[in-house]
Structures are given as C-alpha cells and as structure tokens.
Amino acid sequence: MNLLQLEYFQEVAKVSSITQAAKVLDISQSALSIMMNKLEAEIGYPLFEKQGRNIVITPYGKTVLHYSYILLHEMEDIQREFRELRGEENEWKLTLGVTDSNYYGDWILNLMNDYPDLQLNVLQMSREEIYENLLLGKLDFGISNGMEYYEQLDSQLLFSQPYQLLVLKDHPMAKKGSITMEEMVQEPVLSLPPSHKNRLIDNLSAAMHFRPNIVFEGNADIMEQMFHVGIGSILTCAHNRGQWMRGPREDYALLDIVGTSARYEMYLVWSKNRYRTRCARMFQDYVFDYYHV
C-alpha cells in the first residue's frame, strides 16, 4: 500500500465509478482497476461491490477511507510544519464551517480589520456536515450549536445561554417576565422553515418533549415583519435576539422559560489530528479571547 493508491482510492470512493475516477485522475481505466485490485488484495477485504453500472463502497472500504484521510493529512501536515519552520509558510487562509451566521457576525469585521491579509472562507452547513468536513480535512474550524463526542475532534465551549421567548411590550405576558411550559404549548410561535437544520424551536421542543404551536415557518425577514405586527413570538437567546429587534430595547420583553434546564450552546470545533498553522492558532486565540474562554 502506498499514498498514491490511497489518493486514487479516495477519488473512486467519491464518484462511485472506476471510469469516472480514471477521467478525473487522467489515467487509463485499466490502470486504475489494477491499482484498486492490488489495494484490495493487500487489505484482504473487498473495498467496493457492484451495484448496477456503478460500484458502492463496502463497510471495509469505509474504514480504509477513514484512515486514508488521516494518513494523507498527516503527510500534508508534516510538509506544512517544515515549511513553517523554514519560514516558507506565509499563507493566511482559513476555511470555517458554521451552523448559523449569527455566530460570527459580531466579531468578523474586527477580525478582518486586524488581519487584512487573512483570506477567510465561511460556509454554512449542518453540525453533522461540519464534523464530516473537519475529519476529511476540508475545514480548519467549525462553529457549531451543540457538540457530539468524536474521538478525533476537539472542541471548546464558547457560551451557554438559556432559551428565552421574545415578545412585544404590549404582549399579555410581557410584564410577567416568564412563561411556563404549559403556556409555551399554547403560545403562537414564528419559526424558520423545517429545512433549517438548527432551529432553536426544534432544540427546545426535543429537550422538553412538547409540540410547539408554530403559526408560521419561513423567511427570517417575513418572520420579523409578522412579529412586529403581533402575529407571534420568537424563541431566541441572548446571542441572537438582537436580529429580531427593530426599535429600542424597551419596545420588547424577554420571557424566561420556566421548567427547563436546556440551554443554547456554541462550540469551536477542530480536528485533533491536524497541524495548526500560525494562522489557525491566531484565529483560535482570537475567538477564545473574544468569548473569554
């Protein structure tokens, strides 16, 4: 087994076709087939199986694919670290995956002003997609609501905040200052669409085992308009409540949700196995300093 075999194996696994992979790699189909057969012989288990005209990766192949990324990333990291030791690694480029744009909107401009040479590519994706892309080496960092345990990922909690219900000052419960779970079931709520994978209302309802009374699901701008004419309330937390407020703070009321310990948490996530460049270390320190962790 060699690194070239693993690189070619990754491409075959990606497109599920020897023919298509050979075109991408610019080698003959027969040469690629021979290389994959040799790899299977060395591993001792089938890596692919036929399914119609295509091939699909087997459970054995998925294991090899997982470790192939680790091995190839380690080789890249060795070269990157050596270049940095020689003073040749001057590239200031980072790719960041986020589950919500609210996570970085308040500090991203200051970061770019402080580091004008930084090339920052921010991609919005689900938490699961962030984990996968970190493991594949396609992201330098992820900023995610919540964190599941992965042996090859490390994380740092940036903040933990209670859920709150944002209402207008003339709402019947505005002066009460809190709302019970029984009242939450009846309260009309405006929400992002079901396709939004990180809806706060889903997180809370799953934690508290209740079905919310969602009267509208859709665009955030339309949600805001409906909210300000009194059609419904909005589930939020301290970090993102400002996006729903048009006027001064006294025009609104925040209701604490009684009877739940569920909290809205945000984490910075990165791969344990990847070498972090000066640029990556700078970014990590910047985020930690901002959130005082």
C-alpha atoms as a PDB file:
ATOM      1  CA  MET A   1       0.000   0.000   0.000  1.00  0.00           C
ATOM      2  CA  ASN A   2       1.269   3.484  -0.865  1.00  0.00           C
ATOM      3  CA  LEU A   3      -0.025   7.038  -0.659  1.00  0.00           C
ATOM      4  CA  LEU A   4      -0.802   7.227  -4.380  1.00  0.00           C
ATOM      5  CA  GLN A   5      -3.062   4.183  -4.068  1.00  0.00           C
ATOM      6  CA  LEU A   6      -4.905   5.858  -1.234  1.00  0.00           C
ATOM      7  CA  GLU A   7      -5.327   9.103  -3.179  1.00  0.00           C
ATOM      8  CA  TYR A   8      -6.770   7.201  -6.134  1.00  0.00           C
ATOM      9  CA  PHE A   9      -8.926   5.104  -3.813  1.00  0.00           C
ATOM     10  CA  GLN A  10     -10.422   8.306  -2.358  1.00  0.00           C
ATOM     11  CA  GLU A  11     -11.404   9.514  -5.821  1.00  0.00           C
ATOM     12  CA  VAL A  12     -13.043   6.180  -6.720  1.00  0.00           C
ATOM     13  CA  ALA A  13     -14.962   6.249  -3.430  1.00  0.00           C
ATOM     14  CA  LYS A  14     -16.042   9.834  -4.116  1.00  0.00           C
ATOM     15  CA  VAL A  15     -17.556   9.231  -7.561  1.00  0.00           C
ATOM     16  CA  SER A  16     -18.500   5.523  -7.135  1.00  0.00           C
ATOM     17  CA  SER A  17     -17.100   4.724 -10.557  1.00  0.00           C
ATOM     18  CA  ILE A  18     -13.755   3.463 -11.864  1.00  0.00           C
ATOM     19  CA  THR A  19     -14.478   5.035 -15.253  1.00  0.00           C
ATOM     20  CA  GLN A  20     -15.291   8.494 -13.876  1.00  0.00           C
ATOM     21  CA  ALA A  21     -12.413   8.409 -11.404  1.00  0.00           C
ATOM     22  CA  ALA A  22      -9.967   7.499 -14.176  1.00  0.00           C
ATOM     23  CA  LYS A  23     -11.079  10.538 -16.191  1.00  0.00           C
ATOM     24  CA  VAL A  24     -10.616  12.839 -13.193  1.00  0.00           C
ATOM     25  CA  LEU A  25      -7.211  11.343 -12.386  1.00  0.00           C
ATOM     26  CA  ASP A  26      -6.191  11.343 -16.062  1.00  0.00           C
ATOM     27  CA  ILE A  27      -5.101   7.710 -16.128  1.00  0.00           C
ATOM     28  CA  SER A  28      -6.435   4.695 -18.006  1.00  0.00           C
ATOM     29  CA  GLN A  29      -9.385   2.788 -16.622  1.00  0.00           C
ATOM     30  CA  SER A  30      -7.435  -0.468 -16.744  1.00  0.00           C
ATOM     31  CA  ALA A  31      -4.509   1.009 -14.781  1.00  0.00           C
ATOM     32  CA  LEU A  32      -6.854   2.288 -12.099  1.00  0.00           C
ATOM     33  CA  SER A  33      -8.672  -1.060 -11.900  1.00  0.00           C
ATOM     34  CA  ILE A  34      -5.363  -2.878 -11.450  1.00  0.00           C
ATOM     35  CA  MET A  35      -4.332  -0.441  -8.711  1.00  0.00           C
ATOM     36  CA  MET A  36      -7.639  -0.902  -6.835  1.00  0.00           C
ATOM     37  CA  ASN A  37      -7.426  -4.693  -7.162  1.00  0.00           C
ATOM     38  CA  LYS A  38      -3.906  -4.637  -5.693  1.00  0.00           C
ATOM     39  CA  LEU A  39      -5.102  -2.463  -2.817  1.00  0.00           C
ATOM     40  CA  GLU A  40      -7.954  -4.877  -2.091  1.00  0.00           C
ATOM     41  CA  ALA A  41      -5.522  -7.797  -2.186  1.00  0.00           C
ATOM     42  CA  GLU A  42      -3.216  -6.067   0.300  1.00  0.00           C
ATOM     43  CA  ILE A  43      -6.093  -5.170   2.617  1.00  0.00           C
ATOM     44  CA  GLY A  44      -7.569  -8.642   2.375  1.00  0.00           C
ATOM     45  CA  TYR A  45     -11.170  -7.471   2.217  1.00  0.00           C
ATOM     46  CA  PRO A  46     -13.444  -6.165  -0.563  1.00  0.00           C
ATOM     47  CA  LEU A  47     -13.457  -2.375  -0.705  1.00  0.00           C
ATOM     48  CA  PHE A  48     -16.180  -1.999  -3.349  1.00  0.00           C
ATOM     49  CA  GLU A  49     -19.094  -4.026  -4.644  1.00  0.00           C
ATOM     50  CA  LYS A  50     -21.026  -3.668  -7.892  1.00  0.00           C
ATOM     51  CA  GLN A  51     -24.448  -2.037  -7.881  1.00  0.00           C
ATOM     52  CA  GLY A  52     -25.832  -1.731 -11.380  1.00  0.00           C
ATOM     53  CA  ARG A  53     -23.355   0.158 -13.554  1.00  0.00           C
ATOM     54  CA  ASN A  54     -21.677   1.750 -10.577  1.00  0.00           C
ATOM     55  CA  ILE A  55     -19.810   0.485  -7.553  1.00  0.00           C
ATOM     56  CA  VAL A  56     -20.507   1.243  -3.897  1.00  0.00           C
ATOM     57  CA  ILE A  57     -18.054   1.264  -1.049  1.00  0.00           C
ATOM     58  CA  THR A  58     -18.268  -1.594   1.460  1.00  0.00           C
ATOM     59  CA  PRO A  59     -18.029  -1.251   5.271  1.00  0.00           C
ATOM     60  CA  TYR A  60     -14.378  -2.362   4.933  1.00  0.00           C
ATOM     61  CA  GLY A  61     -13.848   0.303   2.309  1.00  0.00           C
ATOM     62  CA  LYS A  62     -15.330   2.980   4.580  1.00  0.00           C
ATOM     63  CA  THR A  63     -12.825   2.047   7.282  1.00  0.00           C
ATOM     64  CA  VAL A  64      -9.932   2.263   4.826  1.00  0.00           C
ATOM     65  CA  LEU A  65     -11.292   5.584   3.532  1.00  0.00           C
ATOM     66  CA  HIS A  66     -11.455   6.984   7.059  1.00  0.00           C
ATOM     67  CA  TYR A  67      -7.821   6.122   7.812  1.00  0.00           C
ATOM     68  CA  SER A  68      -6.634   7.144   4.349  1.00  0.00           C
ATOM     69  CA  TYR A  69      -7.667  10.724   5.051  1.00  0.00           C
ATOM     70  CA  ILE A  70      -5.793  10.666   8.356  1.00  0.00           C
ATOM     71  CA  LEU A  71      -2.613   9.313   6.727  1.00  0.00           C
ATOM     72  CA  LEU A  72      -2.663  11.757   3.830  1.00  0.00           C
ATOM     73  CA  HIS A  73      -3.461  14.685   6.104  1.00  0.00           C
ATOM     74  CA  GLU A  74      -0.541  13.769   8.346  1.00  0.00           C
ATOM     75  CA  MET A  75       1.793  13.837   5.354  1.00  0.00           C
ATOM     76  CA  GLU A  76       0.422  17.248   4.354  1.00  0.00           C
ATOM     77  CA  ASP A  77       0.865  18.478   7.921  1.00  0.00           C
ATOM     78  CA  ILE A  78       4.483  17.304   8.050  1.00  0.00           C
ATOM     79  CA  GLN A  79       5.252  19.296   4.910  1.00  0.00           C
ATOM     80  CA  ARG A  80       3.314  22.311   6.185  1.00  0.00           C
ATOM     81  CA  GLU A  81       5.091  22.302   9.549  1.00  0.00           C
ATOM     82  CA  PHE A  82       8.510  22.013   7.870  1.00  0.00           C
ATOM     83  CA  ARG A  83       7.663  24.910   5.548  1.00  0.00           C
ATOM     84  CA  GLU A  84       6.657  26.961   8.567  1.00  0.00           C
ATOM     85  CA  LEU A  85       9.902  26.087  10.372  1.00  0.00           C
ATOM     86  CA  ARG A  86      11.837  27.277   7.321  1.00  0.00           C
ATOM     87  CA  GLY A  87       9.781  30.481   7.207  1.00  0.00           C
ATOM     88  CA  GLU A  88       8.171  29.495   3.895  1.00  0.00           C
ATOM     89  CA  GLU A  89       4.583  29.081   5.148  1.00  0.00           C
ATOM     90  CA  ASN A  90       3.163  32.588   4.884  1.00  0.00           C
ATOM     91  CA  GLU A  91      -0.332  31.813   3.621  1.00  0.00           C
ATOM     92  CA  TRP A  92      -3.087  33.324   5.752  1.00  0.00           C
ATOM     93  CA  LYS A  93      -6.081  31.337   4.638  1.00  0.00           C
ATOM     94  CA  LEU A  94      -8.790  29.604   6.675  1.00  0.00           C
ATOM     95  CA  THR A  95     -11.984  27.728   5.914  1.00  0.00           C
ATOM     96  CA  LEU A  96     -14.664  27.892   8.595  1.00  0.00           C
ATOM     97  CA  GLY A  97     -17.921  25.950   8.777  1.00  0.00           C
ATOM     98  CA  VAL A  98     -20.816  27.460  10.764  1.00  0.00           C
ATOM     99  CA  THR A  99     -24.295  26.225  11.592  1.00  0.00           C
ATOM    100  CA  ASP A 100     -25.618  29.788  11.858  1.00  0.00           C
ATOM    101  CA  SER A 101     -24.374  33.139  10.572  1.00  0.00           C
ATOM    102  CA  ASN A 102     -25.239  34.792  13.900  1.00  0.00           C
ATOM    103  CA  TYR A 103     -22.261  33.060  15.457  1.00  0.00           C
ATOM    104  CA  TYR A 104     -19.653  35.302  13.914  1.00  0.00           C
ATOM    105  CA  GLY A 105     -21.423  38.449  12.753  1.00  0.00           C
ATOM    106  CA  ASP A 106     -20.410  40.479  15.784  1.00  0.00           C
ATOM    107  CA  TRP A 107     -16.638  39.929  15.557  1.00  0.00           C
ATOM    108  CA  ILE A 108     -15.857  39.054  11.943  1.00  0.00           C
ATOM    109  CA  LEU A 109     -15.352  42.669  10.827  1.00  0.00           C
ATOM    110  CA  ASN A 110     -12.895  43.350  13.642  1.00  0.00           C
ATOM    111  CA  LEU A 111     -11.007  40.166  12.762  1.00  0.00           C
ATOM    112  CA  MET A 112     -10.688  41.164   9.105  1.00  0.00           C
ATOM    113  CA  ASN A 113      -9.598  44.681  10.076  1.00  0.00           C
ATOM    114  CA  ASP A 114      -6.964  43.349  12.472  1.00  0.00           C
ATOM    115  CA  TYR A 115      -5.652  40.840   9.898  1.00  0.00           C
ATOM    116  CA  PRO A 116      -6.136  42.400   6.434  1.00  0.00           C
ATOM    117  CA  ASP A 117      -4.143  39.617   4.729  1.00  0.00           C
ATOM    118  CA  LEU A 118      -6.474  36.910   6.024  1.00  0.00           C
ATOM    119  CA  GLN A 119      -8.470  35.018   3.386  1.00  0.00           C
ATOM    120  CA  LEU A 120     -11.476  33.611   5.258  1.00  0.00           C
ATOM    121  CA  ASN A 121     -13.948  31.282   3.556  1.00  0.00           C
ATOM    122  CA  VAL A 122     -17.109  30.805   5.661  1.00  0.00           C
ATOM    123  CA  LEU A 123     -19.511  28.001   4.730  1.00  0.00           C
ATOM    124  CA  GLN A 124     -22.906  27.452   6.328  1.00  0.00           C
ATOM    125  CA  MET A 125     -23.685  23.784   6.928  1.00  0.00           C
ATOM    126  CA  SER A 126     -25.264  21.402   9.411  1.00  0.00           C
ATOM    127  CA  ARG A 127     -23.461  20.214  12.518  1.00  0.00           C
ATOM    128  CA  GLU A 128     -23.007  16.756  11.000  1.00  0.00           C
ATOM    129  CA  GLU A 129     -21.529  18.272   7.828  1.00  0.00           C
ATOM    130  CA  ILE A 130     -19.079  20.281   9.930  1.00  0.00           C
ATOM    131  CA  TYR A 131     -17.894  17.132  11.710  1.00  0.00           C
ATOM    132  CA  GLU A 132     -17.509  15.250   8.427  1.00  0.00           C
ATOM    133  CA  ASN A 133     -15.583  18.037   6.711  1.00  0.00           C
ATOM    134  CA  LEU A 134     -13.276  18.507   9.693  1.00  0.00           C
ATOM    135  CA  LEU A 135     -12.465  14.797   9.603  1.00  0.00           C
ATOM    136  CA  LEU A 136     -11.879  14.997   5.850  1.00  0.00           C
ATOM    137  CA  GLY A 137      -9.578  17.998   6.255  1.00  0.00           C
ATOM    138  CA  LYS A 138     -11.832  20.312   4.243  1.00  0.00           C
ATOM    139  CA  LEU A 139     -12.364  22.706   7.162  1.00  0.00           C
ATOM    140  CA  ASP A 140      -9.904  24.287   9.549  1.00  0.00           C
ATOM    141  CA  PHE A 141     -12.538  25.012  12.189  1.00  0.00           C
ATOM    142  CA  GLY A 142     -16.238  24.695  12.812  1.00  0.00           C
ATOM    143  CA  ILE A 143     -18.555  26.819  14.933  1.00  0.00           C
ATOM    144  CA  SER A 144     -21.484  24.670  15.950  1.00  0.00           C
ATOM    145  CA  ASN A 145     -24.513  24.790  18.209  1.00  0.00           C
ATOM    146  CA  GLY A 146     -24.027  21.785  20.456  1.00  0.00           C
ATOM    147  CA  MET A 147     -21.285  19.196  20.275  1.00  0.00           C
ATOM    148  CA  GLU A 148     -21.330  15.422  19.988  1.00  0.00           C
ATOM    149  CA  TYR A 149     -18.364  13.323  21.050  1.00  0.00           C
ATOM    150  CA  TYR A 150     -15.883  12.363  18.336  1.00  0.00           C
ATOM    151  CA  GLU A 151     -12.563  10.820  19.300  1.00  0.00           C
ATOM    152  CA  GLN A 152     -10.740  12.687  16.525  1.00  0.00           C
ATOM    153  CA  LEU A 153     -12.307  16.094  17.172  1.00  0.00           C
ATOM    154  CA  ASP A 154     -11.622  18.601  19.900  1.00  0.00           C
ATOM    155  CA  SER A 155     -13.880  21.449  20.997  1.00  0.00           C
ATOM    156  CA  GLN A 156     -14.220  24.409  23.319  1.00  0.00           C
ATOM    157  CA  LEU A 157     -17.497  25.742  24.683  1.00  0.00           C
ATOM    158  CA  LEU A 158     -17.760  29.433  23.750  1.00  0.00           C
ATOM    159  CA  PHE A 159     -21.007  30.240  25.508  1.00  0.00           C
ATOM    160  CA  SER A 160     -24.050  28.654  27.116  1.00  0.00           C
ATOM    161  CA  GLN A 161     -27.285  30.665  27.355  1.00  0.00           C
ATOM    162  CA  PRO A 162     -30.856  29.915  28.423  1.00  0.00           C
ATOM    163  CA  TYR A 163     -33.628  29.964  25.849  1.00  0.00           C
ATOM    164  CA  GLN A 164     -35.968  32.966  26.018  1.00  0.00           C
ATOM    165  CA  LEU A 165     -39.190  34.000  24.312  1.00  0.00           C
ATOM    166  CA  LEU A 166     -39.114  37.423  22.670  1.00  0.00           C
ATOM    167  CA  VAL A 167     -42.436  39.284  22.693  1.00  0.00           C
ATOM    168  CA  LEU A 168     -43.586  42.879  22.110  1.00  0.00           C
ATOM    169  CA  LYS A 169     -44.099  45.128  25.147  1.00  0.00           C
ATOM    170  CA  ASP A 170     -47.916  45.007  24.728  1.00  0.00           C
ATOM    171  CA  HIS A 171     -47.988  41.195  24.770  1.00  0.00           C
ATOM    172  CA  PRO A 172     -50.349  39.874  27.506  1.00  0.00           C
ATOM    173  CA  MET A 173     -47.432  38.172  29.266  1.00  0.00           C
ATOM    174  CA  ALA A 174     -44.832  40.911  28.768  1.00  0.00           C
ATOM    175  CA  LYS A 175     -44.952  42.128  32.378  1.00  0.00           C
ATOM    176  CA  LYS A 176     -44.891  38.622  33.804  1.00  0.00           C
ATOM    177  CA  GLY A 177     -41.251  38.096  32.837  1.00  0.00           C
ATOM    178  CA  SER A 178     -41.541  34.326  32.423  1.00  0.00           C
ATOM    179  CA  ILE A 179     -43.580  31.624  30.716  1.00  0.00           C
ATOM    180  CA  THR A 180     -44.239  28.029  31.782  1.00  0.00           C
ATOM    181  CA  MET A 181     -44.007  25.002  29.522  1.00  0.00           C
ATOM    182  CA  GLU A 182     -47.805  24.647  29.703  1.00  0.00           C
ATOM    183  CA  GLU A 183     -48.149  28.208  28.400  1.00  0.00           C
ATOM    184  CA  MET A 184     -45.463  27.621  25.755  1.00  0.00           C
ATOM    185  CA  VAL A 185     -47.596  24.878  24.208  1.00  0.00           C
ATOM    186  CA  GLN A 186     -50.362  27.409  23.525  1.00  0.00           C
ATOM    187  CA  GLU A 187     -48.165  30.378  22.563  1.00  0.00           C
ATOM    188  CA  PRO A 188     -48.142  31.171  18.785  1.00  0.00           C
ATOM    189  CA  VAL A 189     -44.525  30.973  17.623  1.00  0.00           C
ATOM    190  CA  LEU A 190     -42.823  32.179  14.430  1.00  0.00           C
ATOM    191  CA  SER A 191     -40.012  29.968  13.165  1.00  0.00           C
ATOM    192  CA  LEU A 192     -37.506  29.409  10.414  1.00  0.00           C
ATOM    193  CA  PRO A 193     -38.528  26.674   7.916  1.00  0.00           C
ATOM    194  CA  PRO A 194     -38.221  22.937   8.740  1.00  0.00           C
ATOM    195  CA  SER A 195     -35.361  22.699   6.225  1.00  0.00           C
ATOM    196  CA  HIS A 196     -33.270  24.851   8.583  1.00  0.00           C
ATOM    197  CA  LYS A 197     -31.349  22.135  10.429  1.00  0.00           C
ATOM    198  CA  ASN A 198     -30.581  24.154  13.542  1.00  0.00           C
ATOM    199  CA  ARG A 199     -33.900  25.726  14.510  1.00  0.00           C
ATOM    200  CA  LEU A 200     -33.978  26.789  18.138  1.00  0.00           C
ATOM    201  CA  ILE A 201     -37.603  25.699  18.480  1.00  0.00           C
ATOM    202  CA  ASP A 202     -36.657  22.145  17.477  1.00  0.00           C
ATOM    203  CA  ASN A 203     -33.830  22.047  20.018  1.00  0.00           C
ATOM    204  CA  LEU A 204     -36.088  23.178  22.854  1.00  0.00           C
ATOM    205  CA  SER A 205     -39.116  21.053  21.933  1.00  0.00           C
ATOM    206  CA  ALA A 206     -36.908  17.954  21.659  1.00  0.00           C
ATOM    207  CA  ALA A 207     -35.367  18.643  25.069  1.00  0.00           C
ATOM    208  CA  MET A 208     -38.744  19.307  26.719  1.00  0.00           C
ATOM    209  CA  HIS A 209     -40.840  16.784  24.750  1.00  0.00           C
ATOM    210  CA  PHE A 210     -43.578  19.160  23.623  1.00  0.00           C
ATOM    211  CA  ARG A 211     -45.091  20.135  20.282  1.00  0.00           C
ATOM    212  CA  PRO A 212     -44.787  23.900  19.695  1.00  0.00           C
ATOM    213  CA  ASN A 213     -47.663  25.954  18.312  1.00  0.00           C
ATOM    214  CA  ILE A 214     -45.868  27.180  15.190  1.00  0.00           C
ATOM    215  CA  VAL A 215     -48.102  29.569  13.247  1.00  0.00           C
ATOM    216  CA  PHE A 216     -45.554  30.463  10.560  1.00  0.00           C
ATOM    217  CA  GLU A 217     -42.413  28.807   9.165  1.00  0.00           C
ATOM    218  CA  GLY A 218     -40.352  30.637   6.588  1.00  0.00           C
ATOM    219  CA  ASN A 219     -38.108  33.542   5.680  1.00  0.00           C
ATOM    220  CA  ALA A 220     -36.473  35.460   8.556  1.00  0.00           C
ATOM    221  CA  ASP A 221     -37.461  38.847   7.076  1.00  0.00           C
ATOM    222  CA  ILE A 222     -41.117  37.820   6.912  1.00  0.00           C
ATOM    223  CA  MET A 223     -40.867  36.418  10.443  1.00  0.00           C
ATOM    224  CA  GLU A 224     -39.653  39.807  11.655  1.00  0.00           C
ATOM    225  CA  GLN A 225     -42.499  41.635   9.914  1.00  0.00           C
ATOM    226  CA  MET A 226     -45.099  39.269  11.377  1.00  0.00           C
ATOM    227  CA  PHE A 227     -43.543  39.572  14.805  1.00  0.00           C
ATOM    228  CA  HIS A 228     -43.784  43.360  14.790  1.00  0.00           C
ATOM    229  CA  VAL A 229     -47.484  43.327  13.901  1.00  0.00           C
ATOM    230  CA  GLY A 230     -48.162  40.926  16.767  1.00  0.00           C
ATOM    231  CA  ILE A 231     -48.813  37.687  14.886  1.00  0.00           C
ATOM    232  CA  GLY A 232     -46.493  35.571  17.046  1.00  0.00           C
ATOM    233  CA  SER A 233     -43.487  35.439  19.346  1.00  0.00           C
ATOM    234  CA  ILE A 234     -39.943  34.262  18.609  1.00  0.00           C
ATOM    235  CA  LEU A 235     -37.812  31.764  20.518  1.00  0.00           C
ATOM    236  CA  THR A 236     -34.316  33.174  20.927  1.00  0.00           C
ATOM    237  CA  CYS A 237     -31.359  33.549  23.280  1.00  0.00           C
ATOM    238  CA  ALA A 238     -29.114  36.417  24.321  1.00  0.00           C
ATOM    239  CA  HIS A 239     -26.729  35.896  21.410  1.00  0.00           C
ATOM    240  CA  ASN A 240     -29.213  36.282  18.553  1.00  0.00           C
ATOM    241  CA  ARG A 241     -32.183  38.192  19.955  1.00  0.00           C
ATOM    242  CA  GLY A 242     -30.858  41.481  18.554  1.00  0.00           C
ATOM    243  CA  GLN A 243     -31.549  40.418  14.968  1.00  0.00           C
ATOM    244  CA  TRP A 244     -35.302  40.495  15.640  1.00  0.00           C
ATOM    245  CA  MET A 245     -35.404  43.952  17.273  1.00  0.00           C
ATOM    246  CA  ARG A 246     -36.120  46.993  15.102  1.00  0.00           C
ATOM    247  CA  GLY A 247     -36.618  49.527  17.862  1.00  0.00           C
ATOM    248  CA  PRO A 248     -35.152  50.286  21.293  1.00  0.00           C
ATOM    249  CA  ARG A 249     -34.886  47.609  23.942  1.00  0.00           C
ATOM    250  CA  GLU A 250     -37.871  48.960  25.908  1.00  0.00           C
ATOM    251  CA  ASP A 251     -40.205  48.079  22.994  1.00  0.00           C
ATOM    252  CA  TYR A 252     -39.735  44.379  23.764  1.00  0.00           C
ATOM    253  CA  ALA A 253     -39.908  41.898  26.618  1.00  0.00           C
ATOM    254  CA  LEU A 254     -37.937  38.709  27.166  1.00  0.00           C
ATOM    255  CA  LEU A 255     -39.697  35.850  28.918  1.00  0.00           C
ATOM    256  CA  ASP A 256     -37.639  33.270  30.790  1.00  0.00           C
ATOM    257  CA  ILE A 257     -38.868  29.727  30.132  1.00  0.00           C
ATOM    258  CA  VAL A 258     -39.699  28.069  33.439  1.00  0.00           C
ATOM    259  CA  GLY A 259     -39.203  24.339  33.936  1.00  0.00           C
ATOM    260  CA  THR A 260     -36.304  23.647  31.595  1.00  0.00           C
ATOM    261  CA  SER A 261     -32.567  23.359  32.075  1.00  0.00           C
ATOM    262  CA  ALA A 262     -31.979  23.210  28.309  1.00  0.00           C
ATOM    263  CA  ARG A 263     -29.519  25.831  27.092  1.00  0.00           C
ATOM    264  CA  TYR A 264     -28.300  27.132  23.775  1.00  0.00           C
ATOM    265  CA  GLU A 265     -24.599  26.334  23.468  1.00  0.00           C
ATOM    266  CA  MET A 266     -21.982  27.204  20.888  1.00  0.00           C
ATOM    267  CA  TYR A 267     -18.654  25.442  20.368  1.00  0.00           C
ATOM    268  CA  LEU A 268     -15.493  25.976  18.385  1.00  0.00           C
ATOM    269  CA  VAL A 269     -14.547  22.601  16.888  1.00  0.00           C
ATOM    270  CA  TRP A 270     -11.340  21.399  15.218  1.00  0.00           C
ATOM    271  CA  SER A 271      -9.516  18.195  14.298  1.00  0.00           C
ATOM    272  CA  LYS A 272      -7.117  16.761  16.864  1.00  0.00           C
ATOM    273  CA  ASN A 273      -5.027  15.177  14.118  1.00  0.00           C
ATOM    274  CA  ARG A 274      -4.289  18.235  12.002  1.00  0.00           C
ATOM    275  CA  TYR A 275      -1.294  20.533  12.399  1.00  0.00           C
ATOM    276  CA  ARG A 276      -2.451  24.068  13.156  1.00  0.00           C
ATOM    277  CA  THR A 277      -0.538  26.775  11.331  1.00  0.00           C
ATOM    278  CA  ARG A 278       0.272  30.188  12.756  1.00  0.00           C
ATOM    279  CA  CYS A 279      -2.833  31.478  11.021  1.00  0.00           C
ATOM    280  CA  ALA A 280      -5.005  28.771  12.610  1.00  0.00           C
ATOM    281  CA  ARG A 281      -3.518  29.403  16.048  1.00  0.00           C
ATOM    282  CA  MET A 282      -4.129  33.122  15.644  1.00  0.00           C
ATOM    283  CA  PHE A 283      -7.764  32.514  14.736  1.00  0.00           C
ATOM    284  CA  GLN A 284      -8.303  30.141  17.641  1.00  0.00           C
ATOM    285  CA  ASP A 285      -6.765  32.594  20.127  1.00  0.00           C
ATOM    286  CA  TYR A 286      -8.827  35.449  18.661  1.00  0.00           C
ATOM    287  CA  VAL A 287     -12.102  33.558  19.147  1.00  0.00           C
ATOM    288  CA  PHE A 288     -11.151  32.407  22.646  1.00  0.00           C
ATOM    289  CA  ASP A 289     -10.225  35.956  23.644  1.00  0.00           C
ATOM    290  CA  TYR A 290     -13.495  37.337  22.290  1.00  0.00           C
ATOM    291  CA  TYR A 291     -15.579  34.850  24.278  1.00  0.00           C
ATOM    292  CA  HIS A 292     -13.254  34.975  27.323  1.00  0.00           C
ATOM    293  CA  VAL A 293     -12.544  31.256  27.436  1.00  0.00           C
END
